[in-house]
Amino acid sequence: MGADLGLKTEAKLGSLYKGLLAINYSFQRAMNLTYPGDATYQNQLPYTPLHLANLNVGVNRQGWGLYYNQMFSSLRFYNNNNDTSDNDYYLPYYSLADLSAVYKGKYKLLPIMISAEINNLYGASYQVVRSYPMPGRSFRISFQITI
């Protein structure tokens, strides 16, 4: 049982710029329905957040773009026991931010794209799976040419 909601819009910002906004929210009640009568029956499945939200904001101008993405995840349980009073049964919520700059254009009539990204912009410490810490801040530069 769940729901996904999304809003996406673009708007001209003056004569040269275009603004982009996208908001997405997911509610996912993924329940353990394996054994009726079991103590964990109808509890949230491990590692599945109940709430997940994303905010994407960007500005484009003549092939150039600057984008910011913010993702929020609610707490998740690492097993079928959904006891929030005991820290041993759940992973806390986390929030991640990414920033990217992109150029799309042509080189000798061939489409190219160059991008630079900073992932986990604020260096958040988080775990998607228990006991496996995720990477901190990372950088990526890429170049793509279509022939």
C-alpha atoms as a PDB file:
ATOM      1  CA  MET A   1       0.000   0.000   0.000  1.00  0.00           C
ATOM      2  CA  GLY A   2       1.385   3.391  -0.858  1.00  0.00           C
ATOM      3  CA  ALA A   3       1.163   6.586  -2.819  1.00  0.00           C
ATOM      4  CA  ASP A   4       3.474   8.617  -5.013  1.00  0.00           C
ATOM      5  CA  LEU A   5       2.896  12.318  -5.519  1.00  0.00           C
ATOM      6  CA  GLY A   6       4.860  14.530  -7.862  1.00  0.00           C
ATOM      7  CA  LEU A   7       4.920  18.099  -9.066  1.00  0.00           C
ATOM      8  CA  LYS A   8       7.141  19.318 -11.871  1.00  0.00           C
ATOM      9  CA  THR A   9       7.176  22.758 -13.408  1.00  0.00           C
ATOM     10  CA  GLU A  10       9.318  25.009 -15.561  1.00  0.00           C
ATOM     11  CA  ALA A  11       9.163  28.781 -15.828  1.00  0.00           C
ATOM     12  CA  LYS A  12      10.936  31.480 -17.780  1.00  0.00           C
ATOM     13  CA  LEU A  13      13.032  33.691 -15.558  1.00  0.00           C
ATOM     14  CA  GLY A  14      13.537  36.743 -17.746  1.00  0.00           C
ATOM     15  CA  SER A  15      14.420  36.364 -21.391  1.00  0.00           C
ATOM     16  CA  LEU A  16      17.515  34.161 -20.987  1.00  0.00           C
ATOM     17  CA  TYR A  17      16.901  31.853 -18.018  1.00  0.00           C
ATOM     18  CA  LYS A  18      14.575  28.942 -17.364  1.00  0.00           C
ATOM     19  CA  GLY A  19      13.845  27.693 -13.850  1.00  0.00           C
ATOM     20  CA  LEU A  20      12.971  24.094 -13.032  1.00  0.00           C
ATOM     21  CA  LEU A  21      11.278  22.723  -9.922  1.00  0.00           C
ATOM     22  CA  ALA A  22      10.339  19.120  -9.153  1.00  0.00           C
ATOM     23  CA  ILE A  23       8.967  17.777  -5.873  1.00  0.00           C
ATOM     24  CA  ASN A  24       8.316  14.067  -5.320  1.00  0.00           C
ATOM     25  CA  TYR A  25       6.939  12.297  -2.271  1.00  0.00           C
ATOM     26  CA  SER A  26       6.445   8.573  -1.692  1.00  0.00           C
ATOM     27  CA  PHE A  27       4.525   6.897   1.091  1.00  0.00           C
ATOM     28  CA  GLN A  28       5.180   3.167   1.138  1.00  0.00           C
ATOM     29  CA  ARG A  29       3.529   0.903   3.682  1.00  0.00           C
ATOM     30  CA  ALA A  30       5.296  -2.330   2.745  1.00  0.00           C
ATOM     31  CA  MET A  31       4.139  -4.870   5.312  1.00  0.00           C
ATOM     32  CA  ASN A  32       5.356  -8.286   6.379  1.00  0.00           C
ATOM     33  CA  LEU A  33       2.419 -10.567   5.500  1.00  0.00           C
ATOM     34  CA  THR A  34       4.323 -13.852   5.698  1.00  0.00           C
ATOM     35  CA  TYR A  35       2.921 -15.503   8.835  1.00  0.00           C
ATOM     36  CA  PRO A  36      -0.411 -14.296  10.283  1.00  0.00           C
ATOM     37  CA  GLY A  37      -0.294 -14.387  14.061  1.00  0.00           C
ATOM     38  CA  ASP A  38       3.477 -13.840  14.146  1.00  0.00           C
ATOM     39  CA  ALA A  39       4.646 -10.965  16.394  1.00  0.00           C
ATOM     40  CA  THR A  40       6.045  -9.119  13.373  1.00  0.00           C
ATOM     41  CA  TYR A  41       3.014  -9.681  11.127  1.00  0.00           C
ATOM     42  CA  GLN A  42       2.000  -6.421   9.382  1.00  0.00           C
ATOM     43  CA  ASN A  43       5.195  -4.635  10.447  1.00  0.00           C
ATOM     44  CA  GLN A  44       7.107  -2.501   7.937  1.00  0.00           C
ATOM     45  CA  LEU A  45       9.559  -4.534   5.830  1.00  0.00           C
ATOM     46  CA  PRO A  46      13.246  -4.113   6.616  1.00  0.00           C
ATOM     47  CA  TYR A  47      15.098  -1.212   4.966  1.00  0.00           C
ATOM     48  CA  THR A  48      11.926   0.247   3.439  1.00  0.00           C
ATOM     49  CA  PRO A  49      11.325   3.858   4.493  1.00  0.00           C
ATOM     50  CA  LEU A  50       7.725   4.826   5.141  1.00  0.00           C
ATOM     51  CA  HIS A  51       8.355   8.329   3.743  1.00  0.00           C
ATOM     52  CA  LEU A  52      10.714   9.438   0.987  1.00  0.00           C
ATOM     53  CA  ALA A  53      10.835  12.957  -0.482  1.00  0.00           C
ATOM     54  CA  ASN A  54      12.920  14.671  -3.162  1.00  0.00           C
ATOM     55  CA  LEU A  55      13.293  18.329  -4.082  1.00  0.00           C
ATOM     56  CA  ASN A  56      15.016  19.278  -7.349  1.00  0.00           C
ATOM     57  CA  VAL A  57      15.695  22.885  -8.306  1.00  0.00           C
ATOM     58  CA  GLY A  58      17.562  24.074 -11.375  1.00  0.00           C
ATOM     59  CA  VAL A  59      18.345  27.012 -13.613  1.00  0.00           C
ATOM     60  CA  ASN A  60      19.219  26.760 -17.327  1.00  0.00           C
ATOM     61  CA  ARG A  61      20.688  29.325 -19.703  1.00  0.00           C
ATOM     62  CA  GLN A  62      21.746  28.610 -23.299  1.00  0.00           C
ATOM     63  CA  GLY A  63      23.050  25.079 -22.768  1.00  0.00           C
ATOM     64  CA  TRP A  64      24.320  25.684 -19.234  1.00  0.00           C
ATOM     65  CA  GLY A  65      22.525  24.349 -16.170  1.00  0.00           C
ATOM     66  CA  LEU A  66      22.963  24.436 -12.418  1.00  0.00           C
ATOM     67  CA  TYR A  67      20.965  21.923 -10.351  1.00  0.00           C
ATOM     68  CA  TYR A  68      20.397  21.199  -6.665  1.00  0.00           C
ATOM     69  CA  ASN A  69      18.798  18.001  -5.368  1.00  0.00           C
ATOM     70  CA  GLN A  70      17.719  17.344  -1.762  1.00  0.00           C
ATOM     71  CA  MET A  71      16.513  13.890  -0.688  1.00  0.00           C
ATOM     72  CA  PHE A  72      14.892  13.004   2.644  1.00  0.00           C
ATOM     73  CA  SER A  73      14.348   9.441   3.887  1.00  0.00           C
ATOM     74  CA  SER A  74      12.454   8.532   7.052  1.00  0.00           C
ATOM     75  CA  LEU A  75      13.776   5.999   9.513  1.00  0.00           C
ATOM     76  CA  ARG A  76      13.938   2.378   8.406  1.00  0.00           C
ATOM     77  CA  PHE A  77      13.970  -0.839  10.378  1.00  0.00           C
ATOM     78  CA  TYR A  78      16.748  -3.322   9.718  1.00  0.00           C
ATOM     79  CA  ASN A  79      14.615  -6.324  10.660  1.00  0.00           C
ATOM     80  CA  ASN A  80      10.914  -7.091  11.057  1.00  0.00           C
ATOM     81  CA  ASN A  81      10.774  -5.798  14.635  1.00  0.00           C
ATOM     82  CA  ASN A  82       9.405  -2.232  14.328  1.00  0.00           C
ATOM     83  CA  ASP A  83      10.247  -1.084  17.853  1.00  0.00           C
ATOM     84  CA  THR A  84      11.229   2.619  17.720  1.00  0.00           C
ATOM     85  CA  SER A  85      11.877   2.749  21.469  1.00  0.00           C
ATOM     86  CA  ASP A  86      15.010   0.658  21.005  1.00  0.00           C
ATOM     87  CA  ASN A  87      17.756   2.080  18.759  1.00  0.00           C
ATOM     88  CA  ASP A  88      18.919  -1.461  18.002  1.00  0.00           C
ATOM     89  CA  TYR A  89      15.962  -2.056  15.665  1.00  0.00           C
ATOM     90  CA  TYR A  90      16.057   0.903  13.329  1.00  0.00           C
ATOM     91  CA  LEU A  91      18.279   3.093  11.192  1.00  0.00           C
ATOM     92  CA  PRO A  92      17.677   6.833  11.657  1.00  0.00           C
ATOM     93  CA  TYR A  93      16.304   9.145   8.992  1.00  0.00           C
ATOM     94  CA  TYR A  94      18.788  10.898   6.725  1.00  0.00           C
ATOM     95  CA  SER A  95      18.947  13.696   4.212  1.00  0.00           C
ATOM     96  CA  LEU A  96      21.320  14.045   1.260  1.00  0.00           C
ATOM     97  CA  ALA A  97      22.074  16.967  -1.031  1.00  0.00           C
ATOM     98  CA  ASP A  98      23.724  16.972  -4.459  1.00  0.00           C
ATOM     99  CA  LEU A  99      24.851  19.871  -6.648  1.00  0.00           C
ATOM    100  CA  SER A 100      25.676  19.681 -10.345  1.00  0.00           C
ATOM    101  CA  ALA A 101      26.630  21.928 -13.235  1.00  0.00           C
ATOM    102  CA  VAL A 102      26.025  20.790 -16.808  1.00  0.00           C
ATOM    103  CA  TYR A 103      26.855  22.087 -20.264  1.00  0.00           C
ATOM    104  CA  LYS A 104      25.087  20.684 -23.328  1.00  0.00           C
ATOM    105  CA  GLY A 105      26.237  21.831 -26.732  1.00  0.00           C
ATOM    106  CA  LYS A 106      27.896  20.754 -29.961  1.00  0.00           C
ATOM    107  CA  TYR A 107      31.452  20.147 -31.075  1.00  0.00           C
ATOM    108  CA  LYS A 108      31.900  19.895 -34.858  1.00  0.00           C
ATOM    109  CA  LEU A 109      28.173  19.089 -35.205  1.00  0.00           C
ATOM    110  CA  LEU A 110      28.360  16.299 -32.604  1.00  0.00           C
ATOM    111  CA  PRO A 111      26.273  16.633 -29.415  1.00  0.00           C
ATOM    112  CA  ILE A 112      28.382  16.855 -26.260  1.00  0.00           C
ATOM    113  CA  MET A 113      27.665  17.057 -22.558  1.00  0.00           C
ATOM    114  CA  ILE A 114      30.100  18.033 -19.808  1.00  0.00           C
ATOM    115  CA  SER A 115      29.085  17.808 -16.165  1.00  0.00           C
ATOM    116  CA  ALA A 116      30.588  18.328 -12.734  1.00  0.00           C
ATOM    117  CA  GLU A 117      28.867  16.970  -9.619  1.00  0.00           C
ATOM    118  CA  ILE A 118      29.251  17.113  -5.878  1.00  0.00           C
ATOM    119  CA  ASN A 119      27.361  14.233  -4.286  1.00  0.00           C
ATOM    120  CA  ASN A 120      26.482  14.264  -0.580  1.00  0.00           C
ATOM    121  CA  LEU A 121      27.296  17.973  -0.577  1.00  0.00           C
ATOM    122  CA  TYR A 122      27.195  18.363   3.216  1.00  0.00           C
ATOM    123  CA  GLY A 123      29.049  15.108   3.963  1.00  0.00           C
ATOM    124  CA  ALA A 124      26.103  13.501   5.769  1.00  0.00           C
ATOM    125  CA  SER A 125      26.845  10.295   7.667  1.00  0.00           C
ATOM    126  CA  TYR A 126      24.170   7.701   6.918  1.00  0.00           C
ATOM    127  CA  GLN A 127      23.498   4.008   6.398  1.00  0.00           C
ATOM    128  CA  VAL A 128      21.090   2.498   3.893  1.00  0.00           C
ATOM    129  CA  VAL A 129      21.896  -0.998   5.165  1.00  0.00           C
ATOM    130  CA  ARG A 130      22.890  -1.604   8.795  1.00  0.00           C
ATOM    131  CA  SER A 131      26.648  -1.638   9.464  1.00  0.00           C
ATOM    132  CA  TYR A 132      27.484  -0.448   5.927  1.00  0.00           C
ATOM    133  CA  PRO A 133      28.224   3.282   6.099  1.00  0.00           C
ATOM    134  CA  MET A 134      27.715   5.087   2.815  1.00  0.00           C
ATOM    135  CA  PRO A 135      30.364   7.307   1.232  1.00  0.00           C
ATOM    136  CA  GLY A 136      30.799  10.881   2.347  1.00  0.00           C
ATOM    137  CA  ARG A 137      31.171  13.753  -0.074  1.00  0.00           C
ATOM    138  CA  SER A 138      32.316  12.741  -3.554  1.00  0.00           C
ATOM    139  CA  PHE A 139      33.066  14.514  -6.827  1.00  0.00           C
ATOM    140  CA  ARG A 140      32.553  13.474 -10.418  1.00  0.00           C
ATOM    141  CA  ILE A 141      33.399  15.085 -13.732  1.00  0.00           C
ATOM    142  CA  SER A 142      32.118  13.521 -16.931  1.00  0.00           C
ATOM    143  CA  PHE A 143      32.288  14.150 -20.634  1.00  0.00           C
ATOM    144  CA  GLN A 144      29.967  12.595 -23.184  1.00  0.00           C
ATOM    145  CA  ILE A 145      30.030  12.836 -26.960  1.00  0.00           C
ATOM    146  CA  THR A 146      27.398  11.241 -29.163  1.00  0.00           C
ATOM    147  CA  ILE A 147      28.576   9.955 -32.546  1.00  0.00           C
END
